[in-house]
Structures are given as C-alpha cells and as structure tokens.
Amino acid sequence: MDSNDYEEKMREIRAALNRIPKYMENPEFKKAIENTQRVAAALGNMVVAISQSEAVKAFGRLAEQLSNIKLPQLSEEAKEGLENYHYLNKLESLQWPLYFWVSKDLMKELGPYTSISEENEDEISTIVCKFCTAEFIDGLLVDWNNSTVMDRKRIPILQEAISLYNSELYYGCVSILACQLNGIITDIYNMQRAYGKEFDLEDVKRAYQSFNPQKKVPTRIKKDSEKTQLLWFISDAEEGLMYWIKSIEYIYNIILTSEDSMNQSCHPCRNKICHGIQLNFGTREHALKSILTIDMMIRLGENLKHINENNAENLGTLKE
C-alpha cells in the first residue's frame, strides 16, 4: 500500500467516525485511530473485541462503514471477526434475524446471495428453515424455560406457541408470540427499573435519531410505549453491542412497524397482526421469525440482567 492509498484509507476511517452518533462515540477508539501508526492494530483489536462480545457503547453503524475497508496486518482472529461483520450485514440484507447464531455452514450456504428478491426469497427461506432444526427450536425453548427476566406465567404460553409451530399450525404460533412480545419488553423494562436504572430521555432521543434518520424526534415521548422502552435498552447493552443494534433495529423498524407498505409483509409485524390488518402470517417463515424475535428479546433481557448484577457486585466490592 503506497502513501496515497494509505491516506485514502485514513480519510475513509475519519469520515466513518464523523458519522457515528454522538451517544456511541468511544474516545479511546478515536484516540487510537488518530495515531496513524496504529490504525491496523486498532481496527484489528476492535473487530476482535466485537466478535468476542466485549464491545461497549462505542459505535452505531460503524461496522457497516468499516466493513469494506481493507487494511494490512490483520490477525487471523481479527479476520474472523471481520467475517462476522459481513455475516451480520448479510443477515440484515436477507432480512433474517439470526444475529446470535454464527454458523460457518450457514455463512457458506448464504454466500451467493447479496439481497433478497422475489426470485430468491423461497431459496433463502429454505436454507434458513433447514438450519433451524427441531433440535434448534427445542434448545431455544429450554433457554426460555430457564429465563428469569420475564413473568414466569408466560412460559406455558410460549411452550404452546412452540407446540403449534412443531404441528405446522403457524397462524396460532404467530398470533401467540405477537401478543407476548410487548409484554416481554415491559417485563424487561420493569426489571431495569427494579435494578434502579433511571429512564434517560436523552438516550432515547439519540437512539430514535439513529434508527429514524429521516424523521424528526417527537416532542412528546411516552415512557410506557414498548417502542420507547426498546430504544432505552440499547443504551445499557454493553456486551456485543453490534449484535444488539442489529436485533433491536429489526424489532423496532420491522416487527413493530406502522408503515402501510408492510401490511402483507414476509415478516410478522406485531401491530398489524394484532389489529387484524396483516393476514398472510400463516407460514413457517413468519412463525420462525416470530420465534427468533422472542428469543432476541429474552437474550437482551438476560444480557441486561447480567450487566446489572455485575455492576451491583462491583459496587459492593468498592464499598468493602
């Protein structure tokens, strides 16, 4: 790489940094980037950190901005992390919320597809459904049964939804899960308040701007709105932040959408299903996406609980 190419890469990185939402800036990362002799190492370390779920509130869509920048001297571990970036971006472009399930086999099968279309959507759906075996679904249900972040009275309801999925009764499965989603979001919100977390309106506004770049922030934001609560969660999701950004964006912009263009979507749009607008949700794809959405919310809740417990433990240690 000659000096001109190097400077061009530096300009790309600086431009990407300038586009990071303010609430996700990381001073240490920016300091490392400013030192031109450490650019490759800094990027490599960042990729590794994210791939190991150690990233903190450091970036909004920085991964997308940097994923195509090629720098020399990346370690094998960093290259693997960079592959995970591309994998997450591919899942997003193919509109399948499997962000917490990194599989080299699935990566390979999805490799030829760059976006979803009428011509390939059935092929992509077949590949994903093949990956999500009965054992895969059973494993999710085991995790849900062991979860402590939602009302335990939801467990038999979720069990019945999975039973309906296994029996190919997809309308019933999707209807149940669509109704439970907002309740689980509220359970997690109440858990956060129980841990003494204060609702930060400014965090919500910045997250809203990040997920709605073309819209003006509402003058009134309702705390009891599940969409608002969802935006609040992201300000506290410290571990594996990139995964949470993708997951919450999918739930916020797709599952909880109010856009008329999504009335008969290939996604299980919660509000439209519960209000009787969306009528095409009796498919395996809709049901599987509903299951994956519930799973993402429960995983987010468990992650937030883990962070709260660690913070409480660290505070106790300091007091001693």
C-alpha atoms as a PDB file:
ATOM      1  CA  MET A   1       0.000   0.000   0.000  1.00  0.00           C
ATOM      2  CA  ASP A   2       1.563   3.321  -1.071  1.00  0.00           C
ATOM      3  CA  SER A   3       1.231   6.606   0.786  1.00  0.00           C
ATOM      4  CA  ASN A   4      -1.686   7.807  -1.353  1.00  0.00           C
ATOM      5  CA  ASP A   5      -3.664   4.630  -0.727  1.00  0.00           C
ATOM      6  CA  TYR A   6      -2.874   4.853   2.973  1.00  0.00           C
ATOM      7  CA  GLU A   7      -4.113   8.429   3.181  1.00  0.00           C
ATOM      8  CA  GLU A   8      -7.263   7.456   1.312  1.00  0.00           C
ATOM      9  CA  LYS A   9      -7.974   4.730   3.871  1.00  0.00           C
ATOM     10  CA  MET A  10      -7.414   7.216   6.651  1.00  0.00           C
ATOM     11  CA  ARG A  11      -9.916   9.597   5.091  1.00  0.00           C
ATOM     12  CA  GLU A  12     -12.462   6.789   4.856  1.00  0.00           C
ATOM     13  CA  ILE A  13     -11.992   5.958   8.536  1.00  0.00           C
ATOM     14  CA  ARG A  14     -12.232   9.589   9.619  1.00  0.00           C
ATOM     15  CA  ALA A  15     -15.397  10.022   7.548  1.00  0.00           C
ATOM     16  CA  ALA A  16     -16.884   6.933   9.185  1.00  0.00           C
ATOM     17  CA  LEU A  17     -16.038   8.262  12.642  1.00  0.00           C
ATOM     18  CA  ASN A  18     -17.738  11.553  11.844  1.00  0.00           C
ATOM     19  CA  ARG A  19     -20.930   9.683  11.070  1.00  0.00           C
ATOM     20  CA  ILE A  20     -21.078   7.854  14.395  1.00  0.00           C
ATOM     21  CA  PRO A  21     -23.999   9.069  16.566  1.00  0.00           C
ATOM     22  CA  LYS A  22     -22.670  11.149  19.444  1.00  0.00           C
ATOM     23  CA  TYR A  23     -24.001   8.850  22.151  1.00  0.00           C
ATOM     24  CA  MET A  24     -21.982   5.930  20.788  1.00  0.00           C
ATOM     25  CA  GLU A  25     -18.601   7.588  20.458  1.00  0.00           C
ATOM     26  CA  ASN A  26     -15.616   5.935  22.107  1.00  0.00           C
ATOM     27  CA  PRO A  27     -12.783   8.385  22.969  1.00  0.00           C
ATOM     28  CA  GLU A  28     -10.212   5.618  23.351  1.00  0.00           C
ATOM     29  CA  PHE A  29     -11.039   4.196  19.952  1.00  0.00           C
ATOM     30  CA  LYS A  30     -10.855   7.628  18.320  1.00  0.00           C
ATOM     31  CA  LYS A  31      -7.510   8.307  20.002  1.00  0.00           C
ATOM     32  CA  ALA A  32      -6.129   5.053  18.624  1.00  0.00           C
ATOM     33  CA  ILE A  33      -7.389   5.846  15.132  1.00  0.00           C
ATOM     34  CA  GLU A  34      -5.790   9.292  15.203  1.00  0.00           C
ATOM     35  CA  ASN A  35      -2.398   7.675  15.625  1.00  0.00           C
ATOM     36  CA  THR A  36      -1.732   6.657  12.027  1.00  0.00           C
ATOM     37  CA  GLN A  37       0.964   4.182  13.043  1.00  0.00           C
ATOM     38  CA  ARG A  38      -1.595   2.114  14.977  1.00  0.00           C
ATOM     39  CA  VAL A  39      -4.539   2.100  12.568  1.00  0.00           C
ATOM     40  CA  ALA A  40      -4.303  -1.555  11.537  1.00  0.00           C
ATOM     41  CA  ALA A  41      -3.819  -2.753  15.110  1.00  0.00           C
ATOM     42  CA  ALA A  42      -6.654  -0.561  16.391  1.00  0.00           C
ATOM     43  CA  LEU A  43      -9.080  -1.856  13.803  1.00  0.00           C
ATOM     44  CA  GLY A  44      -7.967  -5.417  14.424  1.00  0.00           C
ATOM     45  CA  ASN A  45      -8.476  -5.075  18.168  1.00  0.00           C
ATOM     46  CA  MET A  46     -11.908  -3.549  17.643  1.00  0.00           C
ATOM     47  CA  VAL A  47     -13.008  -6.383  15.379  1.00  0.00           C
ATOM     48  CA  VAL A  48     -11.773  -8.976  17.858  1.00  0.00           C
ATOM     49  CA  ALA A  49     -13.493  -7.210  20.757  1.00  0.00           C
ATOM     50  CA  ILE A  50     -16.834  -7.187  18.990  1.00  0.00           C
ATOM     51  CA  SER A  51     -16.550 -10.779  17.831  1.00  0.00           C
ATOM     52  CA  GLN A  52     -15.913 -11.762  21.460  1.00  0.00           C
ATOM     53  CA  SER A  53     -18.888  -9.731  22.727  1.00  0.00           C
ATOM     54  CA  GLU A  54     -16.692  -7.255  24.608  1.00  0.00           C
ATOM     55  CA  ALA A  55     -17.665  -4.065  22.786  1.00  0.00           C
ATOM     56  CA  VAL A  56     -19.253  -1.282  24.801  1.00  0.00           C
ATOM     57  CA  LYS A  57     -21.225   1.800  23.840  1.00  0.00           C
ATOM     58  CA  ALA A  58     -18.738   2.610  21.095  1.00  0.00           C
ATOM     59  CA  PHE A  59     -20.482   2.850  17.756  1.00  0.00           C
ATOM     60  CA  GLY A  60     -23.793   2.963  15.959  1.00  0.00           C
ATOM     61  CA  ARG A  61     -23.348   1.789  12.429  1.00  0.00           C
ATOM     62  CA  LEU A  62     -19.562   1.945  12.385  1.00  0.00           C
ATOM     63  CA  ALA A  63     -19.279  -1.726  11.445  1.00  0.00           C
ATOM     64  CA  GLU A  64     -21.137  -1.103   8.204  1.00  0.00           C
ATOM     65  CA  GLN A  65     -18.926   1.889   7.444  1.00  0.00           C
ATOM     66  CA  LEU A  66     -15.692  -0.015   8.050  1.00  0.00           C
ATOM     67  CA  SER A  67     -16.568  -3.498   6.855  1.00  0.00           C
ATOM     68  CA  ASN A  68     -15.308  -2.821   3.322  1.00  0.00           C
ATOM     69  CA  ILE A  69     -12.103  -1.034   4.324  1.00  0.00           C
ATOM     70  CA  LYS A  70      -9.162  -3.349   3.798  1.00  0.00           C
ATOM     71  CA  LEU A  71      -6.108  -2.734   5.943  1.00  0.00           C
ATOM     72  CA  PRO A  72      -2.955  -4.844   6.154  1.00  0.00           C
ATOM     73  CA  GLN A  73      -1.635  -6.905   9.057  1.00  0.00           C
ATOM     74  CA  LEU A  74      -4.952  -8.075  10.492  1.00  0.00           C
ATOM     75  CA  SER A  75      -4.567 -11.118  12.691  1.00  0.00           C
ATOM     76  CA  GLU A  76      -6.427 -14.330  11.905  1.00  0.00           C
ATOM     77  CA  GLU A  77      -8.662 -13.658  14.886  1.00  0.00           C
ATOM     78  CA  ALA A  78      -9.404 -10.171  13.578  1.00  0.00           C
ATOM     79  CA  LYS A  79     -10.158 -11.546  10.135  1.00  0.00           C
ATOM     80  CA  GLU A  80     -12.632 -13.951  11.678  1.00  0.00           C
ATOM     81  CA  GLY A  81     -14.271 -11.037  13.458  1.00  0.00           C
ATOM     82  CA  LEU A  82     -14.448  -9.141  10.181  1.00  0.00           C
ATOM     83  CA  GLU A  83     -16.142 -12.159   8.602  1.00  0.00           C
ATOM     84  CA  ASN A  84     -18.728 -11.953  11.377  1.00  0.00           C
ATOM     85  CA  TYR A  85     -19.335  -8.310  10.411  1.00  0.00           C
ATOM     86  CA  HIS A  86     -20.068  -9.340   6.872  1.00  0.00           C
ATOM     87  CA  TYR A  87     -22.244 -12.174   8.140  1.00  0.00           C
ATOM     88  CA  LEU A  88     -24.352  -9.814  10.262  1.00  0.00           C
ATOM     89  CA  ASN A  89     -24.693  -7.418   7.346  1.00  0.00           C
ATOM     90  CA  LYS A  90     -25.713 -10.268   5.062  1.00  0.00           C
ATOM     91  CA  LEU A  91     -28.366 -11.465   7.508  1.00  0.00           C
ATOM     92  CA  GLU A  92     -29.693  -7.928   7.648  1.00  0.00           C
ATOM     93  CA  SER A  93     -29.819  -7.612   3.855  1.00  0.00           C
ATOM     94  CA  LEU A  94     -31.526 -11.024   3.599  1.00  0.00           C
ATOM     95  CA  GLN A  95     -33.949  -9.997   6.371  1.00  0.00           C
ATOM     96  CA  TRP A  96     -33.424 -12.982   8.671  1.00  0.00           C
ATOM     97  CA  PRO A  97     -32.866 -12.201  12.397  1.00  0.00           C
ATOM     98  CA  LEU A  98     -30.309 -14.901  13.171  1.00  0.00           C
ATOM     99  CA  TYR A  99     -27.809 -12.430  14.589  1.00  0.00           C
ATOM    100  CA  PHE A 100     -26.874 -14.541  17.611  1.00  0.00           C
ATOM    101  CA  TRP A 101     -26.296 -17.726  15.658  1.00  0.00           C
ATOM    102  CA  VAL A 102     -22.956 -17.602  13.848  1.00  0.00           C
ATOM    103  CA  SER A 103     -22.558 -20.710  11.715  1.00  0.00           C
ATOM    104  CA  LYS A 104     -19.863 -21.210   9.097  1.00  0.00           C
ATOM    105  CA  ASP A 105     -22.109 -23.695   7.299  1.00  0.00           C
ATOM    106  CA  LEU A 106     -24.934 -21.188   7.158  1.00  0.00           C
ATOM    107  CA  MET A 107     -22.484 -18.471   6.067  1.00  0.00           C
ATOM    108  CA  LYS A 108     -21.361 -20.681   3.208  1.00  0.00           C
ATOM    109  CA  GLU A 109     -24.877 -21.514   2.056  1.00  0.00           C
ATOM    110  CA  LEU A 110     -25.975 -17.881   2.166  1.00  0.00           C
ATOM    111  CA  GLY A 111     -22.753 -16.729   0.489  1.00  0.00           C
ATOM    112  CA  PRO A 112     -24.122 -16.444  -3.081  1.00  0.00           C
ATOM    113  CA  TYR A 113     -26.982 -14.160  -2.004  1.00  0.00           C
ATOM    114  CA  THR A 114     -26.399 -10.424  -1.621  1.00  0.00           C
ATOM    115  CA  SER A 115     -30.001  -9.297  -1.204  1.00  0.00           C
ATOM    116  CA  ILE A 116     -33.492 -10.745  -1.081  1.00  0.00           C
ATOM    117  CA  SER A 117     -35.815 -10.698  -4.077  1.00  0.00           C
ATOM    118  CA  GLU A 118     -38.935 -12.442  -5.355  1.00  0.00           C
ATOM    119  CA  GLU A 119     -36.680 -14.768  -7.308  1.00  0.00           C
ATOM    120  CA  ASN A 120     -34.594 -15.987  -4.375  1.00  0.00           C
ATOM    121  CA  GLU A 121     -36.686 -15.460  -1.230  1.00  0.00           C
ATOM    122  CA  ASP A 122     -38.006 -19.033  -1.233  1.00  0.00           C
ATOM    123  CA  GLU A 123     -34.477 -20.421  -1.661  1.00  0.00           C
ATOM    124  CA  ILE A 124     -33.180 -18.321   1.224  1.00  0.00           C
ATOM    125  CA  SER A 125     -36.115 -19.267   3.431  1.00  0.00           C
ATOM    126  CA  THR A 126     -35.500 -22.958   2.698  1.00  0.00           C
ATOM    127  CA  ILE A 127     -31.830 -22.643   3.689  1.00  0.00           C
ATOM    128  CA  VAL A 128     -32.668 -20.909   6.983  1.00  0.00           C
ATOM    129  CA  CYS A 129     -35.504 -23.292   7.849  1.00  0.00           C
ATOM    130  CA  LYS A 130     -33.145 -26.211   7.225  1.00  0.00           C
ATOM    131  CA  PHE A 131     -30.662 -24.635   9.644  1.00  0.00           C
ATOM    132  CA  CYS A 132     -33.338 -24.109  12.317  1.00  0.00           C
ATOM    133  CA  THR A 133     -33.958 -27.773  13.045  1.00  0.00           C
ATOM    134  CA  ALA A 134     -36.325 -29.234  15.628  1.00  0.00           C
ATOM    135  CA  GLU A 135     -33.332 -29.560  17.975  1.00  0.00           C
ATOM    136  CA  PHE A 136     -32.532 -25.877  17.401  1.00  0.00           C
ATOM    137  CA  ILE A 137     -36.072 -24.846  18.343  1.00  0.00           C
ATOM    138  CA  ASP A 138     -36.079 -27.168  21.376  1.00  0.00           C
ATOM    139  CA  GLY A 139     -32.856 -25.538  22.542  1.00  0.00           C
ATOM    140  CA  LEU A 140     -34.444 -22.089  22.393  1.00  0.00           C
ATOM    141  CA  LEU A 141     -37.394 -23.311  24.442  1.00  0.00           C
ATOM    142  CA  VAL A 142     -35.033 -24.728  27.087  1.00  0.00           C
ATOM    143  CA  ASP A 143     -33.371 -21.299  27.353  1.00  0.00           C
ATOM    144  CA  TRP A 144     -36.769 -19.607  27.672  1.00  0.00           C
ATOM    145  CA  ASN A 145     -37.797 -22.005  30.420  1.00  0.00           C
ATOM    146  CA  ASN A 146     -34.656 -21.074  32.354  1.00  0.00           C
ATOM    147  CA  SER A 147     -35.041 -17.345  31.852  1.00  0.00           C
ATOM    148  CA  THR A 148     -35.638 -15.109  34.868  1.00  0.00           C
ATOM    149  CA  VAL A 149     -36.230 -11.812  33.055  1.00  0.00           C
ATOM    150  CA  MET A 150     -39.913 -12.273  32.244  1.00  0.00           C
ATOM    151  CA  ASP A 151     -43.083 -13.163  34.088  1.00  0.00           C
ATOM    152  CA  ARG A 152     -42.994 -16.920  34.671  1.00  0.00           C
ATOM    153  CA  LYS A 153     -46.667 -17.137  33.718  1.00  0.00           C
ATOM    154  CA  ARG A 154     -45.578 -16.523  30.123  1.00  0.00           C
ATOM    155  CA  ILE A 155     -43.683 -19.824  29.960  1.00  0.00           C
ATOM    156  CA  PRO A 156     -46.676 -22.131  29.268  1.00  0.00           C
ATOM    157  CA  ILE A 157     -47.921 -19.637  26.674  1.00  0.00           C
ATOM    158  CA  LEU A 158     -44.580 -19.720  24.874  1.00  0.00           C
ATOM    159  CA  GLN A 159     -44.500 -23.506  25.161  1.00  0.00           C
ATOM    160  CA  GLU A 160     -47.867 -23.718  23.444  1.00  0.00           C
ATOM    161  CA  ALA A 161     -46.634 -21.453  20.648  1.00  0.00           C
ATOM    162  CA  ILE A 162     -43.701 -23.799  20.022  1.00  0.00           C
ATOM    163  CA  SER A 163     -46.048 -26.781  20.098  1.00  0.00           C
ATOM    164  CA  LEU A 164     -48.179 -25.123  17.418  1.00  0.00           C
ATOM    165  CA  TYR A 165     -45.047 -24.412  15.361  1.00  0.00           C
ATOM    166  CA  ASN A 166     -43.996 -28.066  15.556  1.00  0.00           C
ATOM    167  CA  SER A 167     -47.517 -29.053  14.451  1.00  0.00           C
ATOM    168  CA  GLU A 168     -47.277 -26.610  11.493  1.00  0.00           C
ATOM    169  CA  LEU A 169     -50.154 -24.529  12.890  1.00  0.00           C
ATOM    170  CA  TYR A 170     -48.431 -21.289  12.065  1.00  0.00           C
ATOM    171  CA  TYR A 171     -51.327 -18.834  12.427  1.00  0.00           C
ATOM    172  CA  GLY A 172     -51.718 -19.886  16.055  1.00  0.00           C
ATOM    173  CA  CYS A 173     -47.987 -19.784  16.746  1.00  0.00           C
ATOM    174  CA  VAL A 174     -47.535 -16.300  15.312  1.00  0.00           C
ATOM    175  CA  SER A 175     -50.663 -14.917  16.992  1.00  0.00           C
ATOM    176  CA  ILE A 176     -49.490 -16.037  20.426  1.00  0.00           C
ATOM    177  CA  LEU A 177     -45.952 -14.724  20.037  1.00  0.00           C
ATOM    178  CA  ALA A 178     -47.098 -11.405  18.573  1.00  0.00           C
ATOM    179  CA  CYS A 179     -49.225 -10.821  21.673  1.00  0.00           C
ATOM    180  CA  GLN A 180     -46.402 -11.792  24.050  1.00  0.00           C
ATOM    181  CA  LEU A 181     -43.670  -9.605  22.540  1.00  0.00           C
ATOM    182  CA  ASN A 182     -44.753  -6.299  24.067  1.00  0.00           C
ATOM    183  CA  GLY A 183     -45.337  -8.000  27.401  1.00  0.00           C
ATOM    184  CA  ILE A 184     -41.774  -9.316  27.435  1.00  0.00           C
ATOM    185  CA  ILE A 185     -40.445  -5.863  26.553  1.00  0.00           C
ATOM    186  CA  THR A 186     -42.384  -4.427  29.504  1.00  0.00           C
ATOM    187  CA  ASP A 187     -41.120  -7.206  31.798  1.00  0.00           C
ATOM    188  CA  ILE A 188     -37.547  -6.234  30.931  1.00  0.00           C
ATOM    189  CA  TYR A 189     -38.337  -2.537  31.392  1.00  0.00           C
ATOM    190  CA  ASN A 190     -39.726  -3.259  34.866  1.00  0.00           C
ATOM    191  CA  MET A 191     -36.629  -5.331  35.655  1.00  0.00           C
ATOM    192  CA  GLN A 192     -34.407  -2.400  34.713  1.00  0.00           C
ATOM    193  CA  ARG A 193     -36.367  -0.071  36.976  1.00  0.00           C
ATOM    194  CA  ALA A 194     -36.187  -2.631  39.787  1.00  0.00           C
ATOM    195  CA  TYR A 195     -32.386  -2.530  39.483  1.00  0.00           C
ATOM    196  CA  GLY A 196     -32.563   1.231  39.983  1.00  0.00           C
ATOM    197  CA  LYS A 197     -31.943   2.164  36.359  1.00  0.00           C
ATOM    198  CA  GLU A 198     -33.240   5.627  35.559  1.00  0.00           C
ATOM    199  CA  PHE A 199     -35.089   6.209  32.293  1.00  0.00           C
ATOM    200  CA  ASP A 200     -32.883   8.583  30.275  1.00  0.00           C
ATOM    201  CA  LEU A 201     -34.919  10.603  27.804  1.00  0.00           C
ATOM    202  CA  GLU A 202     -31.818  11.934  26.051  1.00  0.00           C
ATOM    203  CA  ASP A 203     -30.549   8.404  25.404  1.00  0.00           C
ATOM    204  CA  VAL A 204     -33.925   7.521  23.891  1.00  0.00           C
ATOM    205  CA  LYS A 205     -33.898  10.609  21.679  1.00  0.00           C
ATOM    206  CA  ARG A 206     -30.418   9.831  20.364  1.00  0.00           C
ATOM    207  CA  ALA A 207     -31.370   6.211  19.708  1.00  0.00           C
ATOM    208  CA  TYR A 208     -34.523   7.407  17.930  1.00  0.00           C
ATOM    209  CA  GLN A 209     -32.431   9.644  15.681  1.00  0.00           C
ATOM    210  CA  SER A 210     -30.110   6.748  14.913  1.00  0.00           C
ATOM    211  CA  PHE A 211     -32.945   4.385  13.924  1.00  0.00           C
ATOM    212  CA  ASN A 212     -35.058   7.103  12.246  1.00  0.00           C
ATOM    213  CA  PRO A 213     -32.553   9.341  10.435  1.00  0.00           C
ATOM    214  CA  GLN A 214     -35.241  10.801   8.158  1.00  0.00           C
ATOM    215  CA  LYS A 215     -37.676  11.661  10.944  1.00  0.00           C
ATOM    216  CA  LYS A 216     -37.853  14.447  13.497  1.00  0.00           C
ATOM    217  CA  VAL A 217     -37.691  13.412  17.152  1.00  0.00           C
ATOM    218  CA  PRO A 218     -41.218  13.614  18.624  1.00  0.00           C
ATOM    219  CA  THR A 219     -41.803  16.452  21.069  1.00  0.00           C
ATOM    220  CA  ARG A 220     -43.547  14.008  23.411  1.00  0.00           C
ATOM    221  CA  ILE A 221     -42.093  10.565  24.089  1.00  0.00           C
ATOM    222  CA  LYS A 222     -44.194   8.127  26.097  1.00  0.00           C
ATOM    223  CA  LYS A 223     -42.271   6.068  28.638  1.00  0.00           C
ATOM    224  CA  ASP A 224     -44.941   3.372  28.633  1.00  0.00           C
ATOM    225  CA  SER A 225     -44.562   2.777  24.900  1.00  0.00           C
ATOM    226  CA  GLU A 226     -42.841  -0.539  24.198  1.00  0.00           C
ATOM    227  CA  LYS A 227     -41.003   1.009  21.240  1.00  0.00           C
ATOM    228  CA  THR A 228     -39.647   3.715  23.541  1.00  0.00           C
ATOM    229  CA  GLN A 229     -38.603   1.138  26.136  1.00  0.00           C
ATOM    230  CA  LEU A 230     -36.830  -0.827  23.415  1.00  0.00           C
ATOM    231  CA  LEU A 231     -34.769   2.225  22.463  1.00  0.00           C
ATOM    232  CA  TRP A 232     -33.859   2.782  26.115  1.00  0.00           C
ATOM    233  CA  PHE A 233     -32.457  -0.744  26.432  1.00  0.00           C
ATOM    234  CA  ILE A 234     -29.773  -0.175  23.827  1.00  0.00           C
ATOM    235  CA  SER A 235     -28.109   2.494  25.966  1.00  0.00           C
ATOM    236  CA  ASP A 236     -27.352  -0.191  28.573  1.00  0.00           C
ATOM    237  CA  ALA A 237     -26.495  -3.144  26.325  1.00  0.00           C
ATOM    238  CA  GLU A 238     -22.729  -3.245  26.760  1.00  0.00           C
ATOM    239  CA  GLU A 239     -21.662  -6.700  25.640  1.00  0.00           C
ATOM    240  CA  GLY A 240     -21.759  -7.492  21.921  1.00  0.00           C
ATOM    241  CA  LEU A 241     -23.281  -4.111  21.079  1.00  0.00           C
ATOM    242  CA  MET A 242     -23.219  -4.711  17.324  1.00  0.00           C
ATOM    243  CA  TYR A 243     -25.494  -7.725  17.734  1.00  0.00           C
ATOM    244  CA  TRP A 244     -27.915  -5.689  19.835  1.00  0.00           C
ATOM    245  CA  ILE A 245     -28.028  -2.840  17.341  1.00  0.00           C
ATOM    246  CA  LYS A 246     -28.980  -5.253  14.564  1.00  0.00           C
ATOM    247  CA  SER A 247     -31.522  -7.072  16.728  1.00  0.00           C
ATOM    248  CA  ILE A 248     -33.222  -4.011  18.175  1.00  0.00           C
ATOM    249  CA  GLU A 249     -33.308  -2.312  14.793  1.00  0.00           C
ATOM    250  CA  TYR A 250     -35.073  -5.355  13.329  1.00  0.00           C
ATOM    251  CA  ILE A 251     -37.661  -5.408  16.102  1.00  0.00           C
ATOM    252  CA  TYR A 252     -38.118  -1.626  16.153  1.00  0.00           C
ATOM    253  CA  ASN A 253     -38.282  -0.916  12.419  1.00  0.00           C
ATOM    254  CA  ILE A 254     -39.823  -4.151  11.123  1.00  0.00           C
ATOM    255  CA  ILE A 255     -41.676  -6.132  13.775  1.00  0.00           C
ATOM    256  CA  LEU A 256     -43.194  -3.047  15.438  1.00  0.00           C
ATOM    257  CA  THR A 257     -43.638  -1.060  12.236  1.00  0.00           C
ATOM    258  CA  SER A 258     -46.674   1.058  11.437  1.00  0.00           C
ATOM    259  CA  GLU A 259     -45.781   1.566   7.776  1.00  0.00           C
ATOM    260  CA  ASP A 260     -48.620   0.799   5.357  1.00  0.00           C
ATOM    261  CA  SER A 261     -46.152  -0.795   2.932  1.00  0.00           C
ATOM    262  CA  MET A 262     -45.687  -3.631   5.443  1.00  0.00           C
ATOM    263  CA  ASN A 263     -49.369  -4.627   5.637  1.00  0.00           C
ATOM    264  CA  GLN A 264     -48.732  -8.002   3.979  1.00  0.00           C
ATOM    265  CA  SER A 265     -45.048  -8.348   4.789  1.00  0.00           C
ATOM    266  CA  CYS A 266     -42.950 -11.507   4.872  1.00  0.00           C
ATOM    267  CA  HIS A 267     -42.239 -10.502   8.492  1.00  0.00           C
ATOM    268  CA  PRO A 268     -44.632 -10.969  11.440  1.00  0.00           C
ATOM    269  CA  CYS A 269     -45.489  -7.311  12.046  1.00  0.00           C
ATOM    270  CA  ARG A 270     -46.860  -7.337  15.576  1.00  0.00           C
ATOM    271  CA  ASN A 271     -49.170  -4.308  15.454  1.00  0.00           C
ATOM    272  CA  LYS A 272     -50.637  -5.220  12.082  1.00  0.00           C
ATOM    273  CA  ILE A 273     -51.304  -8.809  13.130  1.00  0.00           C
ATOM    274  CA  CYS A 274     -52.885  -7.862  16.451  1.00  0.00           C
ATOM    275  CA  HIS A 275     -55.072  -5.225  14.750  1.00  0.00           C
ATOM    276  CA  GLY A 276     -56.240  -7.651  12.075  1.00  0.00           C
ATOM    277  CA  ILE A 277     -54.511  -5.855   9.193  1.00  0.00           C
ATOM    278  CA  GLN A 278     -51.852  -8.401   8.246  1.00  0.00           C
ATOM    279  CA  LEU A 279     -53.426 -11.655   7.103  1.00  0.00           C
ATOM    280  CA  ASN A 280     -50.615 -13.571   5.393  1.00  0.00           C
ATOM    281  CA  PHE A 281     -48.755 -14.714   8.511  1.00  0.00           C
ATOM    282  CA  GLY A 282     -49.707 -18.385   8.441  1.00  0.00           C
ATOM    283  CA  THR A 283     -46.356 -19.542   7.056  1.00  0.00           C
ATOM    284  CA  ARG A 284     -43.342 -21.272   8.516  1.00  0.00           C
ATOM    285  CA  GLU A 285     -41.235 -18.217   7.703  1.00  0.00           C
ATOM    286  CA  HIS A 286     -43.490 -15.879   9.687  1.00  0.00           C
ATOM    287  CA  ALA A 287     -43.577 -18.326  12.591  1.00  0.00           C
ATOM    288  CA  LEU A 288     -39.816 -18.853  12.644  1.00  0.00           C
ATOM    289  CA  LYS A 289     -39.155 -15.118  12.524  1.00  0.00           C
ATOM    290  CA  SER A 290     -41.602 -14.702  15.421  1.00  0.00           C
ATOM    291  CA  ILE A 291     -39.713 -17.309  17.444  1.00  0.00           C
ATOM    292  CA  LEU A 292     -36.359 -15.680  16.675  1.00  0.00           C
ATOM    293  CA  THR A 293     -37.752 -12.268  17.662  1.00  0.00           C
ATOM    294  CA  ILE A 294     -38.929 -13.532  21.049  1.00  0.00           C
ATOM    295  CA  ASP A 295     -35.569 -15.223  21.536  1.00  0.00           C
ATOM    296  CA  MET A 296     -33.684 -11.987  20.783  1.00  0.00           C
ATOM    297  CA  MET A 297     -35.756 -10.096  23.357  1.00  0.00           C
ATOM    298  CA  ILE A 298     -35.180 -12.717  26.043  1.00  0.00           C
ATOM    299  CA  ARG A 299     -31.437 -12.737  25.283  1.00  0.00           C
ATOM    300  CA  LEU A 300     -31.326  -8.949  25.556  1.00  0.00           C
ATOM    301  CA  GLY A 301     -33.069  -9.152  28.918  1.00  0.00           C
ATOM    302  CA  GLU A 302     -30.607 -11.759  30.192  1.00  0.00           C
ATOM    303  CA  ASN A 303     -27.713  -9.606  28.978  1.00  0.00           C
ATOM    304  CA  LEU A 304     -29.046  -6.537  30.791  1.00  0.00           C
ATOM    305  CA  LYS A 305     -29.589  -8.566  33.947  1.00  0.00           C
ATOM    306  CA  HIS A 306     -26.002  -9.836  33.784  1.00  0.00           C
ATOM    307  CA  ILE A 307     -24.728  -6.261  33.439  1.00  0.00           C
ATOM    308  CA  ASN A 308     -26.859  -5.077  36.368  1.00  0.00           C
ATOM    309  CA  GLU A 309     -25.644  -7.902  38.597  1.00  0.00           C
ATOM    310  CA  ASN A 310     -22.008  -7.253  37.699  1.00  0.00           C
ATOM    311  CA  ASN A 311     -22.414  -3.547  38.404  1.00  0.00           C
ATOM    312  CA  ALA A 312     -24.013  -4.297  41.769  1.00  0.00           C
ATOM    313  CA  GLU A 313     -21.221  -6.744  42.609  1.00  0.00           C
ATOM    314  CA  ASN A 314     -18.520  -4.246  41.635  1.00  0.00           C
ATOM    315  CA  LEU A 315     -20.204  -1.542  43.690  1.00  0.00           C
ATOM    316  CA  GLY A 316     -20.308  -3.853  46.679  1.00  0.00           C
ATOM    317  CA  THR A 317     -16.610  -4.618  46.285  1.00  0.00           C
ATOM    318  CA  LEU A 318     -15.750  -0.916  46.189  1.00  0.00           C
ATOM    319  CA  LYS A 319     -17.725  -0.256  49.370  1.00  0.00           C
ATOM    320  CA  GLU A 320     -15.815  -3.004  51.162  1.00  0.00           C
END
